[in-house]
Amino acid sequence: MYDRIEIAREFVDAIASDNIIKTLVFGSVARGDDTSESDIDILIIIHTDNRQMESLIDKKVVDFILEKEEVISPHVMTEEHFNKTKDYSFLQTVMAEGVEI
């Protein structure tokens, strides 16, 4: 099996933008208990909503499924939304177990 953290890095490199503030892999891949059926969860914090960015992310998700047979599950949120919701249990877990890439 490929190193899924490295695949996540490749995905983030493929969507590189000045609009991206921070990216973290979380879930089973970050914990190291992923299986061949696991997706790769990535939190992507951006400065502002951007249709062009969303389209690029969607395209790259499809590319990674076709080229690497890996399912990337991006979770995109603006910095403002992240700051408003960072105390929610979901984001607390992501921040605690996440691997920044």
C-alpha atoms as a PDB file:
ATOM      1  CA  MET A   1       0.000   0.000   0.000  1.00  0.00           C
ATOM      2  CA  TYR A   2       1.184   3.536  -0.748  1.00  0.00           C
ATOM      3  CA  ASP A   3       2.030   5.927   2.046  1.00  0.00           C
ATOM      4  CA  ARG A   4      -1.272   7.771   2.282  1.00  0.00           C
ATOM      5  CA  ILE A   5       0.233  10.785   4.057  1.00  0.00           C
ATOM      6  CA  GLU A   6       2.503  11.202   1.025  1.00  0.00           C
ATOM      7  CA  ILE A   7      -0.498  10.866  -1.296  1.00  0.00           C
ATOM      8  CA  ALA A   8      -2.242  13.582   0.726  1.00  0.00           C
ATOM      9  CA  ARG A   9       0.833  15.798   0.295  1.00  0.00           C
ATOM     10  CA  GLU A  10       0.716  15.192  -3.460  1.00  0.00           C
ATOM     11  CA  PHE A  11      -2.945  16.201  -3.462  1.00  0.00           C
ATOM     12  CA  VAL A  12      -2.227  19.402  -1.536  1.00  0.00           C
ATOM     13  CA  ASP A  13       0.660  20.189  -3.895  1.00  0.00           C
ATOM     14  CA  ALA A  14      -1.715  19.684  -6.838  1.00  0.00           C
ATOM     15  CA  ILE A  15      -4.141  22.284  -5.461  1.00  0.00           C
ATOM     16  CA  ALA A  16      -1.477  24.716  -4.211  1.00  0.00           C
ATOM     17  CA  SER A  17      -2.827  28.240  -3.860  1.00  0.00           C
ATOM     18  CA  ASP A  18      -2.177  31.419  -1.903  1.00  0.00           C
ATOM     19  CA  ASN A  19      -5.770  31.009  -0.720  1.00  0.00           C
ATOM     20  CA  ILE A  20      -4.850  27.934   1.352  1.00  0.00           C
ATOM     21  CA  ILE A  21      -3.871  28.671   4.947  1.00  0.00           C
ATOM     22  CA  LYS A  22      -3.492  25.197   6.417  1.00  0.00           C
ATOM     23  CA  THR A  23      -4.063  21.558   5.498  1.00  0.00           C
ATOM     24  CA  LEU A  24      -4.311  18.570   7.815  1.00  0.00           C
ATOM     25  CA  VAL A  25      -4.810  14.865   7.219  1.00  0.00           C
ATOM     26  CA  PHE A  26      -7.146  13.431   9.837  1.00  0.00           C
ATOM     27  CA  GLY A  27      -9.142  10.315  10.567  1.00  0.00           C
ATOM     28  CA  SER A  28      -7.875   6.777  10.118  1.00  0.00           C
ATOM     29  CA  VAL A  29      -4.932   7.797   7.918  1.00  0.00           C
ATOM     30  CA  ALA A  30      -3.634  10.244  10.549  1.00  0.00           C
ATOM     31  CA  ARG A  31      -4.146   7.673  13.310  1.00  0.00           C
ATOM     32  CA  GLY A  32      -2.421   4.970  11.284  1.00  0.00           C
ATOM     33  CA  ASP A  33      -5.342   2.551  11.436  1.00  0.00           C
ATOM     34  CA  ASP A  34      -6.495   2.962   7.832  1.00  0.00           C
ATOM     35  CA  THR A  35      -7.292   0.001   5.612  1.00  0.00           C
ATOM     36  CA  SER A  36      -7.252  -0.412   1.846  1.00  0.00           C
ATOM     37  CA  GLU A  37     -10.897   0.729   1.864  1.00  0.00           C
ATOM     38  CA  SER A  38     -10.225   3.943   3.809  1.00  0.00           C
ATOM     39  CA  ASP A  39     -10.493   7.359   2.246  1.00  0.00           C
ATOM     40  CA  ILE A  40      -7.984  10.129   2.929  1.00  0.00           C
ATOM     41  CA  ASP A  41      -9.642  12.911   4.916  1.00  0.00           C
ATOM     42  CA  ILE A  42      -8.039  16.326   4.473  1.00  0.00           C
ATOM     43  CA  LEU A  43      -9.106  19.529   6.206  1.00  0.00           C
ATOM     44  CA  ILE A  44      -8.333  22.518   3.981  1.00  0.00           C
ATOM     45  CA  ILE A  45      -8.596  25.937   5.615  1.00  0.00           C
ATOM     46  CA  ILE A  46      -8.793  28.785   3.114  1.00  0.00           C
ATOM     47  CA  HIS A  47      -8.863  32.572   3.336  1.00  0.00           C
ATOM     48  CA  THR A  48     -12.028  33.070   1.276  1.00  0.00           C
ATOM     49  CA  ASP A  49     -14.595  31.010  -0.607  1.00  0.00           C
ATOM     50  CA  ASN A  50     -13.579  30.719  -4.201  1.00  0.00           C
ATOM     51  CA  ARG A  51     -15.468  28.890  -6.969  1.00  0.00           C
ATOM     52  CA  GLN A  52     -12.302  28.383  -8.990  1.00  0.00           C
ATOM     53  CA  MET A  53     -10.628  26.739  -5.989  1.00  0.00           C
ATOM     54  CA  GLU A  54     -13.621  24.464  -5.414  1.00  0.00           C
ATOM     55  CA  SER A  55     -13.578  23.405  -9.071  1.00  0.00           C
ATOM     56  CA  LEU A  56      -9.857  22.629  -8.918  1.00  0.00           C
ATOM     57  CA  ILE A  57     -10.304  20.552  -5.756  1.00  0.00           C
ATOM     58  CA  ASP A  58     -13.195  18.612  -7.334  1.00  0.00           C
ATOM     59  CA  LYS A  59     -11.131  17.931 -10.470  1.00  0.00           C
ATOM     60  CA  LYS A  60      -8.125  16.740  -8.468  1.00  0.00           C
ATOM     61  CA  VAL A  61     -10.307  14.420  -6.364  1.00  0.00           C
ATOM     62  CA  VAL A  62     -11.405  12.709  -9.591  1.00  0.00           C
ATOM     63  CA  ASP A  63      -7.815  12.648 -10.902  1.00  0.00           C
ATOM     64  CA  PHE A  64      -6.588  10.904  -7.744  1.00  0.00           C
ATOM     65  CA  ILE A  65      -9.355   8.307  -7.946  1.00  0.00           C
ATOM     66  CA  LEU A  66      -8.498   7.550 -11.574  1.00  0.00           C
ATOM     67  CA  GLU A  67      -4.698   7.787 -11.383  1.00  0.00           C
ATOM     68  CA  LYS A  68      -3.911   6.522  -7.887  1.00  0.00           C
ATOM     69  CA  GLU A  69      -7.073   4.603  -7.016  1.00  0.00           C
ATOM     70  CA  GLU A  70      -7.266   6.613  -3.799  1.00  0.00           C
ATOM     71  CA  VAL A  71     -10.326   8.461  -2.557  1.00  0.00           C
ATOM     72  CA  ILE A  72      -9.573  11.919  -1.200  1.00  0.00           C
ATOM     73  CA  SER A  73     -12.273  13.468   1.000  1.00  0.00           C
ATOM     74  CA  PRO A  74     -11.550  17.181   1.230  1.00  0.00           C
ATOM     75  CA  HIS A  75     -13.272  19.184   3.956  1.00  0.00           C
ATOM     76  CA  VAL A  76     -12.909  22.830   2.950  1.00  0.00           C
ATOM     77  CA  MET A  77     -13.732  25.732   5.233  1.00  0.00           C
ATOM     78  CA  THR A  78     -12.869  29.377   5.409  1.00  0.00           C
ATOM     79  CA  GLU A  79     -10.667  30.698   8.177  1.00  0.00           C
ATOM     80  CA  GLU A  80     -13.638  32.672   9.484  1.00  0.00           C
ATOM     81  CA  HIS A  81     -15.831  29.556   9.686  1.00  0.00           C
ATOM     82  CA  PHE A  82     -12.996  27.565  11.261  1.00  0.00           C
ATOM     83  CA  ASN A  83     -12.484  30.214  13.946  1.00  0.00           C
ATOM     84  CA  LYS A  84     -16.215  30.266  14.726  1.00  0.00           C
ATOM     85  CA  THR A  85     -16.444  26.473  15.034  1.00  0.00           C
ATOM     86  CA  LYS A  86     -13.000  25.412  16.283  1.00  0.00           C
ATOM     87  CA  ASP A  87     -14.409  24.532  19.701  1.00  0.00           C
ATOM     88  CA  TYR A  88     -16.802  21.953  18.224  1.00  0.00           C
ATOM     89  CA  SER A  89     -15.860  18.363  19.010  1.00  0.00           C
ATOM     90  CA  PHE A  90     -15.294  17.469  15.344  1.00  0.00           C
ATOM     91  CA  LEU A  91     -12.656  20.165  14.874  1.00  0.00           C
ATOM     92  CA  GLN A  92     -11.150  19.498  18.296  1.00  0.00           C
ATOM     93  CA  THR A  93     -10.604  15.882  17.219  1.00  0.00           C
ATOM     94  CA  VAL A  94      -9.205  16.932  13.840  1.00  0.00           C
ATOM     95  CA  MET A  95      -6.758  19.331  15.482  1.00  0.00           C
ATOM     96  CA  ALA A  96      -5.722  16.764  18.116  1.00  0.00           C
ATOM     97  CA  GLU A  97      -5.114  13.835  15.772  1.00  0.00           C
ATOM     98  CA  GLY A  98      -4.445  15.658  12.508  1.00  0.00           C
ATOM     99  CA  VAL A  99      -1.129  15.640  10.683  1.00  0.00           C
ATOM    100  CA  GLU A 100      -0.299  19.000   9.119  1.00  0.00           C
ATOM    101  CA  ILE A 101       0.874  18.750   5.535  1.00  0.00           C
END
